[in-house]
Protein backbone atom coordinates (compact mmCIF):
# COMPACT_ATOMS: atom_id res chain seq x y z
CA MET A 1 35.95 -60.58 -25.10
CA ILE A 2 35.05 -56.88 -25.05
CA SER A 3 36.61 -54.90 -22.21
CA ARG A 4 34.67 -52.56 -19.93
CA ARG A 5 36.47 -49.57 -21.43
CA GLU A 6 35.62 -50.67 -24.99
CA PHE A 7 32.01 -51.40 -24.06
CA ILE A 8 31.43 -48.06 -22.33
CA ALA A 9 33.03 -46.26 -25.26
CA ALA A 10 30.79 -48.12 -27.68
CA THR A 11 27.63 -47.40 -25.72
CA GLY A 12 28.65 -43.78 -25.31
CA ALA A 13 29.00 -43.44 -29.06
CA ALA A 14 25.62 -45.03 -29.64
CA VAL A 15 23.47 -43.60 -26.91
CA THR A 16 21.67 -41.22 -29.23
CA VAL A 17 19.92 -44.24 -30.71
CA SER A 18 16.38 -43.97 -29.37
CA SER A 19 13.74 -46.68 -29.27
CA VAL A 20 10.91 -44.44 -28.06
CA GLY A 21 9.72 -44.25 -31.65
CA ALA A 22 10.19 -42.07 -34.70
CA ALA A 23 7.28 -39.85 -33.67
CA ALA A 24 9.38 -38.55 -30.81
CA LEU A 25 12.24 -37.35 -33.02
CA PRO A 26 13.06 -33.67 -32.50
CA GLU A 27 12.45 -31.32 -35.39
CA PHE A 28 16.10 -30.26 -35.43
CA ALA A 29 17.43 -33.80 -35.98
CA SER A 30 19.37 -34.15 -39.22
CA THR A 31 18.00 -36.38 -41.96
CA ALA A 32 20.85 -38.86 -41.51
CA ALA A 33 20.43 -38.93 -37.74
CA ALA A 34 16.68 -39.32 -38.06
CA ALA A 35 17.16 -42.26 -40.41
CA ARG A 36 19.48 -43.99 -37.95
CA LEU A 37 17.03 -43.38 -35.11
CA LYS A 38 14.09 -44.73 -37.13
CA SER A 39 16.10 -47.81 -38.01
CA ALA A 40 16.94 -48.42 -34.37
CA ALA A 41 13.34 -47.86 -33.28
CA ALA A 42 12.20 -50.49 -35.74
CA ALA A 43 14.36 -53.15 -34.06
CA PRO A 44 13.42 -53.32 -30.36
CA ASP A 45 16.03 -54.75 -28.04
CA LYS A 46 15.63 -57.94 -26.06
CA SER A 47 14.40 -56.45 -22.80
CA ALA A 48 12.03 -53.91 -24.37
CA ARG A 49 10.03 -56.77 -25.88
CA LEU A 50 8.99 -57.72 -22.34
CA PHE A 51 7.33 -54.36 -21.53
CA LEU A 52 3.76 -54.39 -20.32
CA PRO A 53 1.20 -53.22 -22.90
CA ASP A 54 0.28 -49.54 -23.00
CA ASP A 55 -2.84 -48.34 -21.26
CA ASP A 56 -5.07 -45.40 -22.19
CA LEU A 57 -2.93 -42.66 -20.60
CA LYS A 58 -1.18 -40.81 -23.42
CA PRO A 59 2.24 -39.25 -22.74
CA ALA A 60 2.54 -35.48 -22.87
CA THR A 61 4.08 -33.83 -25.91
CA TYR A 62 5.10 -30.71 -23.96
CA ASP A 63 8.48 -30.37 -22.22
CA ARG A 64 7.14 -28.47 -19.21
CA LEU A 65 3.83 -27.39 -17.79
CA PRO A 66 2.99 -24.05 -19.44
CA LEU A 67 2.80 -20.77 -17.54
CA GLU A 68 -0.96 -20.76 -17.98
CA TRP A 69 -1.19 -24.03 -16.02
CA HIS A 70 0.75 -22.47 -13.14
CA LYS A 71 -1.44 -19.36 -13.25
CA GLN A 72 -4.53 -21.54 -13.01
CA ARG A 73 -3.10 -23.31 -9.95
CA ALA A 74 -2.29 -19.93 -8.39
CA LYS A 75 -5.83 -18.71 -9.11
CA LEU A 76 -7.31 -21.78 -7.46
CA LEU A 77 -5.11 -21.19 -4.42
CA GLN A 78 -6.25 -17.57 -4.30
CA GLU A 79 -9.88 -18.68 -4.41
CA LYS A 80 -9.36 -21.13 -1.57
CA LEU A 81 -7.69 -18.44 0.54
CA ALA A 82 -10.45 -15.93 -0.20
CA GLN A 83 -13.05 -18.45 0.94
CA ASP A 84 -11.22 -18.59 4.28
CA GLY A 85 -11.16 -14.82 4.53
CA ARG A 86 -7.45 -14.49 3.81
CA ASP A 87 -5.88 -11.54 2.00
CA GLY A 88 -2.77 -13.27 0.69
CA ILE A 89 -0.11 -15.92 1.19
CA LEU A 90 3.67 -15.70 1.52
CA LEU A 91 5.28 -18.59 -0.37
CA THR A 92 8.61 -19.50 1.21
CA ASP A 93 9.08 -23.11 0.09
CA ARG A 94 10.93 -23.62 -3.18
CA TRP A 95 8.49 -26.26 -4.41
CA ASN A 96 5.44 -24.18 -3.64
CA ILE A 97 6.97 -21.24 -5.51
CA ILE A 98 7.71 -23.42 -8.54
CA TYR A 99 4.28 -25.05 -8.45
CA PHE A 100 2.24 -21.86 -8.15
CA THR A 101 4.37 -19.55 -10.33
CA GLY A 102 6.26 -21.87 -12.68
CA LEU A 103 9.63 -20.23 -12.01
CA TRP A 104 12.25 -22.96 -11.71
CA HIS A 105 15.07 -21.69 -9.53
CA THR A 106 17.79 -22.80 -7.14
CA THR A 107 17.72 -22.08 -3.44
CA THR A 108 20.67 -21.73 -1.12
CA GLU A 109 20.99 -19.51 1.96
CA ARG A 110 19.64 -16.71 -0.23
CA LEU A 111 16.03 -15.74 0.36
CA VAL A 112 13.59 -16.30 -2.50
CA GLN A 113 9.94 -15.69 -1.65
CA VAL A 114 6.71 -14.80 -3.40
CA PHE A 115 3.70 -13.05 -1.94
CA LEU A 116 0.46 -13.98 -3.69
CA PRO A 117 -2.41 -11.64 -2.85
CA THR A 118 -5.87 -13.13 -3.15
CA LYS A 119 -6.83 -10.54 -5.79
CA ASP A 120 -3.66 -9.67 -7.67
CA ASP A 121 -0.47 -10.93 -9.34
CA PRO A 122 2.60 -12.15 -7.41
CA LEU A 123 5.03 -9.92 -5.58
CA TRP A 124 8.57 -11.28 -5.90
CA PHE A 125 11.40 -11.09 -3.36
CA TYR A 126 14.75 -12.20 -4.76
CA GLY A 127 18.48 -11.65 -4.89
CA ALA A 128 20.27 -9.92 -7.74
CA LEU A 129 21.66 -13.16 -9.11
CA ASP A 130 18.09 -14.26 -10.01
CA ARG A 131 16.99 -10.95 -11.53
CA ASP A 132 17.06 -12.17 -15.13
CA LEU A 133 15.08 -15.31 -14.26
CA VAL A 134 12.36 -13.32 -12.51
CA LYS A 135 12.17 -10.49 -15.03
CA THR A 136 11.86 -12.86 -18.01
CA TRP A 137 9.12 -14.97 -16.44
CA TRP A 138 5.84 -13.96 -14.79
CA ASN A 139 7.26 -10.52 -14.13
CA THR A 140 4.94 -8.38 -12.05
CA ASP A 141 5.80 -6.42 -8.92
CA GLY A 142 8.98 -7.20 -6.99
CA GLU A 143 11.71 -6.24 -4.55
CA MET A 144 15.38 -7.11 -5.06
CA TYR A 145 18.31 -7.22 -2.65
CA PHE A 146 21.92 -7.63 -3.77
CA ASP A 147 23.11 -10.75 -1.98
CA PHE A 148 23.16 -12.49 1.39
CA PRO A 149 24.06 -10.92 3.76
CA HIS A 150 22.68 -7.73 2.19
CA ALA A 151 24.07 -4.34 3.15
CA GLU A 152 21.59 -1.47 3.10
CA GLY A 153 21.90 0.58 -0.08
CA ALA A 154 24.58 -1.66 -1.58
CA PHE A 155 23.93 -2.56 -5.23
CA PRO A 156 27.29 -2.99 -7.01
CA GLU A 157 25.53 -3.82 -10.29
CA GLU A 158 24.22 -0.22 -10.18
CA GLY A 159 27.60 1.20 -9.17
CA LYS A 160 26.53 1.56 -5.51
CA VAL A 161 29.38 -0.02 -3.56
CA GLN A 162 29.08 0.66 0.15
CA MET A 163 29.24 -1.13 3.50
CA GLY A 164 25.78 -0.30 4.80
CA ALA A 165 23.94 -1.70 7.77
CA LYS A 166 23.13 -5.41 7.54
CA VAL A 167 19.54 -5.89 6.38
CA ASP A 168 17.24 -8.39 8.08
CA LEU A 169 15.63 -9.88 4.99
CA ASN A 170 12.57 -11.15 6.84
CA GLU A 171 11.82 -7.62 8.09
CA TRP A 172 12.62 -6.35 4.59
CA VAL A 173 9.87 -8.58 3.15
CA PHE A 174 7.34 -7.57 5.79
CA LYS A 175 8.10 -3.85 5.34
CA ALA A 176 7.51 -4.24 1.59
CA LEU A 177 4.12 -5.80 2.32
CA LYS A 178 3.27 -2.97 4.72
CA LYS A 179 4.25 -0.42 2.08
CA ARG A 180 1.72 -2.02 -0.24
CA GLY A 181 -1.11 -1.81 2.25
CA PHE A 182 -1.03 -5.29 3.83
CA ALA A 183 -0.56 -4.19 7.45
CA GLU A 184 -3.26 -5.61 9.75
CA LYS A 185 -4.47 -7.86 6.91
CA ASN A 186 -5.33 -11.53 7.32
CA LEU A 187 -2.21 -13.10 5.82
CA VAL A 188 -0.82 -16.64 5.87
CA ALA A 189 2.45 -18.31 4.96
CA ASP A 190 2.93 -21.70 3.34
CA THR A 191 4.59 -22.92 6.52
CA GLU A 192 4.34 -22.41 10.25
CA LEU A 193 6.68 -19.51 10.93
CA THR A 194 9.16 -19.79 13.77
CA PRO A 195 8.47 -17.72 16.90
CA SER A 196 11.32 -15.31 16.12
CA VAL A 197 10.04 -14.65 12.59
CA GLN A 198 6.47 -14.39 13.85
CA ARG A 199 7.53 -11.66 16.28
CA LYS A 200 8.91 -9.69 13.33
CA VAL A 201 5.62 -10.16 11.47
CA VAL A 202 3.70 -8.72 14.40
CA SER A 203 6.17 -5.89 14.87
CA VAL A 204 5.93 -4.76 11.24
CA LEU A 205 2.47 -5.85 10.08
CA GLY A 206 0.57 -5.73 13.35
CA ARG A 207 -0.78 -9.29 13.44
CA GLU A 208 0.49 -12.84 13.07
CA MET A 209 0.59 -14.86 9.88
CA GLY A 210 -1.23 -18.15 10.05
CA SER A 211 -0.19 -21.28 8.14
CA ALA A 212 -1.73 -22.56 4.91
CA ASP A 213 0.71 -25.43 4.54
CA ASP A 214 -2.09 -27.99 4.29
CA ILE A 215 -3.86 -26.08 1.52
CA CYS A 216 -0.71 -25.87 -0.61
CA MET A 217 0.28 -29.48 -0.03
CA ASN A 218 -3.23 -30.78 -0.64
CA MET A 219 -3.19 -29.20 -4.09
CA ARG A 220 0.26 -30.55 -4.88
CA VAL A 221 -0.47 -34.15 -3.84
CA HIS A 222 -3.44 -34.38 -6.22
CA LYS A 223 -1.77 -34.73 -9.61
CA THR A 224 -3.64 -33.02 -12.42
CA PRO A 225 -4.17 -34.76 -15.80
CA GLU A 226 -1.40 -32.59 -17.24
CA GLU A 227 1.05 -33.73 -14.56
CA GLN A 228 0.08 -37.36 -15.06
CA ALA A 229 0.62 -37.12 -18.82
CA LEU A 230 4.07 -35.60 -18.33
CA THR A 231 4.86 -38.26 -15.72
CA ARG A 232 3.93 -40.95 -18.26
CA ARG A 233 6.30 -39.35 -20.77
CA ALA A 234 9.12 -39.43 -18.20
CA TYR A 235 8.40 -43.08 -17.47
CA ASN A 236 8.37 -43.98 -21.16
CA TYR A 237 11.99 -42.86 -21.29
CA PHE A 238 12.65 -44.54 -17.95
CA ASN A 239 11.43 -47.87 -19.34
CA GLN A 240 14.01 -47.65 -22.10
CA MET A 241 16.79 -46.85 -19.63
CA HIS A 242 15.96 -49.95 -17.63
CA ALA A 243 15.85 -52.07 -20.77
CA PHE A 244 19.25 -50.71 -21.79
CA ALA A 245 20.72 -51.50 -18.36
CA ARG A 246 19.20 -54.99 -18.30
CA ASP A 247 20.49 -55.80 -21.78
CA MET A 248 23.93 -54.58 -20.73
CA LEU A 249 23.80 -56.87 -17.71
CA LEU A 250 22.71 -59.89 -19.75
CA GLN A 251 25.29 -59.38 -22.46
CA HIS A 252 28.35 -58.32 -20.48
CA GLY A 253 27.45 -58.90 -16.82
CA THR A 254 30.54 -60.55 -15.37
CA ASP A 255 32.83 -58.20 -17.29
CA LEU A 256 31.33 -55.17 -15.58
CA THR A 257 30.92 -53.41 -12.26
CA ASP A 258 27.69 -51.96 -10.96
CA TYR A 259 29.27 -48.55 -11.57
CA ASP A 260 29.71 -49.38 -15.27
CA ILE A 261 26.02 -50.12 -15.69
CA ALA A 262 24.94 -47.03 -13.73
CA ALA A 263 27.23 -44.69 -15.67
CA ALA A 264 26.35 -46.06 -19.10
CA ALA A 265 22.60 -46.13 -18.40
CA THR A 266 22.64 -42.57 -17.08
CA LYS A 267 24.52 -41.40 -20.17
CA TYR A 268 22.15 -43.31 -22.43
CA GLY A 269 19.09 -41.95 -20.64
CA THR A 270 20.33 -38.36 -20.63
CA ASP A 271 20.92 -38.41 -24.38
CA LEU A 272 17.58 -40.15 -24.91
CA VAL A 273 15.61 -37.49 -23.05
CA MET A 274 17.54 -34.45 -24.21
CA ALA A 275 17.23 -35.43 -27.87
CA ASP A 276 13.53 -34.57 -27.50
CA ILE A 277 13.72 -31.43 -25.35
CA LYS A 278 13.45 -28.19 -27.31
CA ARG A 279 15.84 -25.62 -25.92
CA ASP A 280 18.09 -22.75 -26.95
CA GLY A 281 20.20 -22.34 -23.83
CA ALA A 282 18.08 -19.49 -22.48
CA PRO A 283 16.19 -19.77 -19.17
CA HIS A 284 12.81 -21.49 -18.74
CA THR A 285 13.42 -24.42 -21.12
CA ALA A 286 14.81 -27.83 -20.15
CA VAL A 287 13.70 -27.17 -16.56
CA GLY A 288 13.22 -29.64 -13.73
CA ILE A 289 15.03 -32.44 -15.56
CA GLU A 290 16.70 -35.07 -13.41
CA ILE A 291 18.13 -38.33 -14.76
CA ASP A 292 19.92 -40.50 -12.25
CA ILE A 293 20.24 -44.22 -12.93
CA GLY A 294 21.96 -46.29 -10.28
CA CYS A 295 23.04 -49.89 -9.93
CA ARG A 296 24.30 -51.85 -6.94
CA VAL A 297 25.35 -55.43 -6.60
CA GLY A 298 26.16 -57.79 -3.76
CA ARG A 299 26.08 -56.80 -0.07
CA SER A 300 25.04 -53.20 -0.77
CA THR A 301 21.60 -54.48 -1.81
CA ALA A 302 21.07 -55.76 1.76
CA TYR A 303 20.71 -52.23 3.13
CA PRO A 304 17.96 -49.72 2.30
CA HIS A 305 20.42 -46.80 2.14
CA PRO A 306 23.97 -48.11 1.78
CA ASN A 307 26.61 -45.49 2.55
CA GLN A 308 29.56 -46.84 0.59
CA PHE A 309 30.65 -45.86 -2.92
CA LEU A 310 29.25 -48.37 -5.40
CA HIS A 311 31.98 -49.86 -7.55
CA ASN A 312 31.67 -53.63 -7.22
CA LYS A 313 32.32 -56.51 -9.60
CA ILE A 314 29.24 -58.31 -10.89
CA THR A 315 29.37 -62.04 -10.28
CA ARG A 316 26.92 -64.92 -10.42
CA GLY A 317 24.85 -65.83 -7.38
CA GLN A 318 24.42 -62.21 -6.27
CA ALA A 319 21.59 -59.75 -5.75
CA LEU A 320 21.65 -56.72 -8.03
CA GLN A 321 19.39 -53.69 -8.20
CA ILE A 322 18.87 -51.26 -11.08
CA GLU A 323 17.27 -48.11 -9.73
CA GLY A 324 17.00 -44.36 -10.02
CA GLY A 325 14.74 -41.41 -10.65
CA VAL A 326 13.73 -39.50 -13.78
CA HIS A 327 11.83 -36.20 -13.88
CA ILE A 328 10.83 -33.83 -16.67
CA ALA A 329 9.76 -30.41 -15.35
CA GLY A 330 9.40 -32.08 -11.98
CA CYS A 331 7.06 -34.83 -13.19
CA GLY A 332 8.24 -38.42 -12.92
CA GLY A 333 9.49 -40.54 -10.08
CA GLU A 334 11.34 -43.68 -9.07
CA LEU A 335 11.74 -46.96 -10.91
CA TYR A 336 13.62 -49.89 -9.34
CA ARG A 337 13.80 -53.56 -10.19
CA PRO A 338 15.68 -56.09 -8.00
CA PHE A 339 17.58 -58.84 -9.80
CA PHE A 340 18.91 -62.14 -8.52
CA ILE A 341 21.58 -63.71 -10.68
CA HIS A 342 21.62 -67.51 -10.97
CA PRO A 343 22.42 -69.75 -9.20
CA LEU A 344 19.60 -68.83 -6.81
CA THR A 345 19.13 -69.82 -3.20
CA GLU A 346 15.78 -70.48 -1.57
CA GLN A 347 16.26 -67.33 0.50
CA MET A 348 16.69 -65.28 -2.66
CA LYS A 349 13.53 -66.71 -4.16
CA LYS A 350 11.57 -66.08 -0.96
CA LEU A 351 12.62 -62.45 -0.50
CA TRP A 352 12.05 -61.62 -4.14
CA THR A 353 8.66 -63.33 -4.35
CA VAL A 354 7.26 -61.79 -1.16
CA SER A 355 8.44 -58.29 -2.05
CA ARG A 356 7.03 -58.64 -5.59
CA ASP A 357 3.69 -59.92 -4.27
CA CYS A 358 3.49 -56.97 -1.89
CA CYS A 359 3.95 -54.58 -4.82
CA LEU A 360 1.01 -56.16 -6.62
CA MET A 361 -0.95 -56.04 -3.38
CA GLN A 362 -0.23 -52.32 -3.05
CA LYS A 363 -1.65 -51.73 -6.53
CA GLU A 364 -4.86 -53.61 -5.77
CA GLU A 365 -5.33 -52.13 -2.29
CA SER A 366 -4.58 -48.49 -3.22
CA ILE A 367 -8.21 -47.59 -3.77
CA ALA A 368 -9.78 -44.20 -3.21
CA GLY A 369 -11.59 -44.11 0.11
CA VAL A 370 -9.23 -46.25 2.20
CA THR A 371 -6.53 -44.88 4.46
CA CYS A 372 -2.79 -45.03 3.87
CA SER A 373 -2.42 -46.93 7.15
CA THR A 374 -4.86 -49.61 5.96
CA VAL A 375 -2.78 -50.37 2.88
CA ALA A 376 0.42 -50.44 4.96
CA TYR A 377 -1.22 -52.70 7.54
CA LYS A 378 -2.27 -55.29 4.94
CA ILE A 379 1.17 -55.33 3.34
CA HIS A 380 3.04 -55.68 6.63
CA LYS A 381 0.64 -58.42 7.79
CA TYR A 382 1.31 -60.32 4.56
CA GLN A 383 5.06 -59.96 5.04
CA VAL A 384 4.87 -61.28 8.61
CA LYS A 385 2.55 -64.12 7.62
CA ASN A 386 5.11 -65.24 5.03
CA GLY A 387 7.94 -65.35 7.55
CA VAL A 388 10.00 -62.35 6.47
CA ALA A 389 9.45 -60.10 9.51
CA PRO A 390 13.20 -59.82 10.35
CA TYR A 391 13.83 -58.39 6.88
CA ILE A 392 11.32 -55.51 7.09
CA TYR A 393 13.08 -52.17 7.49
CA HIS A 394 10.61 -49.50 6.36
CA ARG A 395 7.08 -48.52 5.29
CA PRO A 396 5.77 -49.81 1.95
CA ALA A 397 5.77 -46.45 0.14
CA HIS A 398 6.07 -42.68 0.26
CA GLY A 399 4.07 -40.10 -1.60
CA GLU A 400 5.72 -39.00 -4.85
CA GLY A 401 5.98 -35.37 -5.93
CA TRP A 402 8.18 -32.91 -7.75
CA GLU A 403 10.52 -32.78 -4.76
CA GLY A 404 10.72 -36.58 -4.52
CA HIS A 405 9.34 -37.82 -1.19
CA GLN A 406 6.03 -36.12 -0.49
CA ARG A 407 3.13 -36.53 1.90
CA PRO A 408 1.16 -38.69 2.48
CA TYR A 409 2.88 -42.01 3.24
CA LEU A 410 1.76 -45.62 3.09
CA SER A 411 2.73 -46.06 6.71
CA LEU A 412 1.05 -47.49 9.79
CA GLY A 413 0.93 -44.04 11.36
CA ASP A 414 -0.55 -42.11 8.41
CA TYR A 415 -4.35 -42.05 8.44
CA THR A 416 -4.75 -39.88 5.34
CA MET A 417 -7.56 -41.03 3.07
CA LEU A 418 -6.45 -42.07 -0.40
CA GLU A 419 -7.92 -39.82 -3.09
CA PRO A 420 -7.70 -39.81 -6.91
CA GLY A 421 -4.52 -38.23 -8.22
CA MET A 422 -2.33 -39.14 -5.25
CA ALA A 423 0.96 -40.71 -6.38
CA PHE A 424 3.10 -43.18 -4.45
CA SER A 425 6.36 -45.05 -4.78
CA VAL A 426 6.16 -48.86 -4.62
CA GLU A 427 8.81 -50.26 -2.33
CA PRO A 428 7.87 -52.85 0.28
CA GLY A 429 11.52 -53.91 0.31
CA LEU A 430 13.10 -56.78 2.23
CA TYR A 431 16.74 -56.83 3.34
CA ASP A 432 18.93 -59.65 4.65
CA PRO A 433 22.36 -58.36 5.75
CA GLU A 434 23.38 -61.80 7.03
CA HIS A 435 23.25 -63.28 3.54
CA GLY A 436 24.16 -60.03 1.79
CA ILE A 437 20.99 -59.83 -0.32
CA GLY A 438 18.03 -57.52 -0.66
CA SER A 439 14.96 -57.08 -2.83
CA ASN A 440 13.39 -53.65 -3.30
CA PHE A 441 11.12 -52.71 -6.15
CA SER A 442 9.84 -49.21 -6.81
CA ASP A 443 7.54 -47.69 -9.39
CA ASN A 444 4.83 -45.04 -9.45
CA PHE A 445 1.21 -45.86 -8.66
CA ILE A 446 -1.43 -43.15 -9.03
CA VAL A 447 -4.75 -43.57 -7.24
CA GLN A 448 -7.71 -43.66 -9.62
CA PRO A 449 -11.37 -42.61 -9.17
CA ASP A 450 -12.38 -46.27 -9.39
CA GLY A 451 -10.51 -49.55 -9.04
CA PRO A 452 -6.82 -50.21 -8.40
CA ALA A 453 -3.98 -47.73 -8.89
CA ARG A 454 -2.46 -46.97 -12.28
CA GLN A 455 1.13 -48.10 -12.87
CA MET A 456 3.15 -45.40 -14.62
CA SER A 457 6.00 -47.58 -15.89
CA ARG A 458 5.71 -50.42 -18.36
CA LEU A 459 8.25 -52.63 -16.60
CA PRO A 460 7.04 -56.13 -15.71
CA TRP A 461 7.11 -57.67 -12.22
CA SER A 462 8.06 -61.04 -13.66
CA GLU A 463 10.66 -63.67 -12.81
CA GLU A 464 11.68 -63.51 -16.46
CA TRP A 465 12.71 -59.87 -16.04
CA CYS A 466 14.39 -60.13 -12.64
CA LEU A 467 15.72 -63.67 -12.09
CA VAL A 468 18.44 -63.84 -14.72
CA LYS A 469 21.31 -65.96 -15.93
CA ILE A 470 24.52 -64.35 -17.14
């Protein structure tokens, strides 16, 4: 019998084998490698044969949304602000900056902000460590400080090493806006500024900044066709990762731990995606990519957010969940499937069936023109009617965006109207700590102009996929 070490080594050596199809092969693949990949693609594995048929949404061929797309979103934001009589917006949230400018960056305690006038290009505020990212992207006007905390006049990269007065970076931003003629103008931020920051705004610029948080978020929650196409591409890879993990479970289940499956599937998925991403190591390519495949078995499935390290032996008669998130340039989402390994108990069958039926209910009920709370109400009523009330721990779904969880929520307290382009997770999970089992699906449903939501993955909701013998 193959050992875990031998199996992981074998899968690690073979993870470049892709079954997404020969059309997806990168141009730089060698002839020999391409031949091996085409051969593998021609022989689908056991689990992949169970995928749902494709629909009419074609996956994107681009690796990231182009700068022109981001400029168009910024222009639309500018138009909305101008209609409200605003003169500009200060973007402080990382995800708003990425969405409206396209610059993927990391945030820490260091300030990164962008001011977007209603009639001009962005004004950047950034630390010296990001200077090459900013200057090689949508490089317009900008102000740079050295690092946090910043000392006035200190720029070691220019040979200016001094212990100057500590600079208040908020005031620094507002003074730069004043210098450019924005004092007494009708400005907003993408968030509600704290009272202390607002006092600095008034002190420097002469009037408060309002909040345009709702305008920014409303644009981001309505996924454009380009975002949906890139999300479909991410999910096409995600489907293959789940098939790989399921095949691994079926073939070697009791020889493995949940950690083994998670590690091998993440490695497989990373190689699968990155084989298709064009990049040269320079900034602005291979951005916003996240590949995190998890697996948990046994009692950890009985808790929505278990806090223990997952390294547990797979045995028969247990609950097991294959889960995770995959994003390409921010587009993608979650994909979970809950497994029960034979022999099954009646409680296992009940939890799995009710949670699965609620997922299908969410798809049918997520129709433009109804409220989030209405969908949540119907799902929770169905759960209670079927006798699983003690196992309900959370809302049926959260909004899905580049940052992960995003407004709005399929929750009893969210009265937001569903509109086309809104994306949601799919997780009306049920958890039974007493018996050490849980069942939580997740996927990505996007609200359509007419009819039920669109499912972004091709994974089935079937007993054949999830109720397995090993």
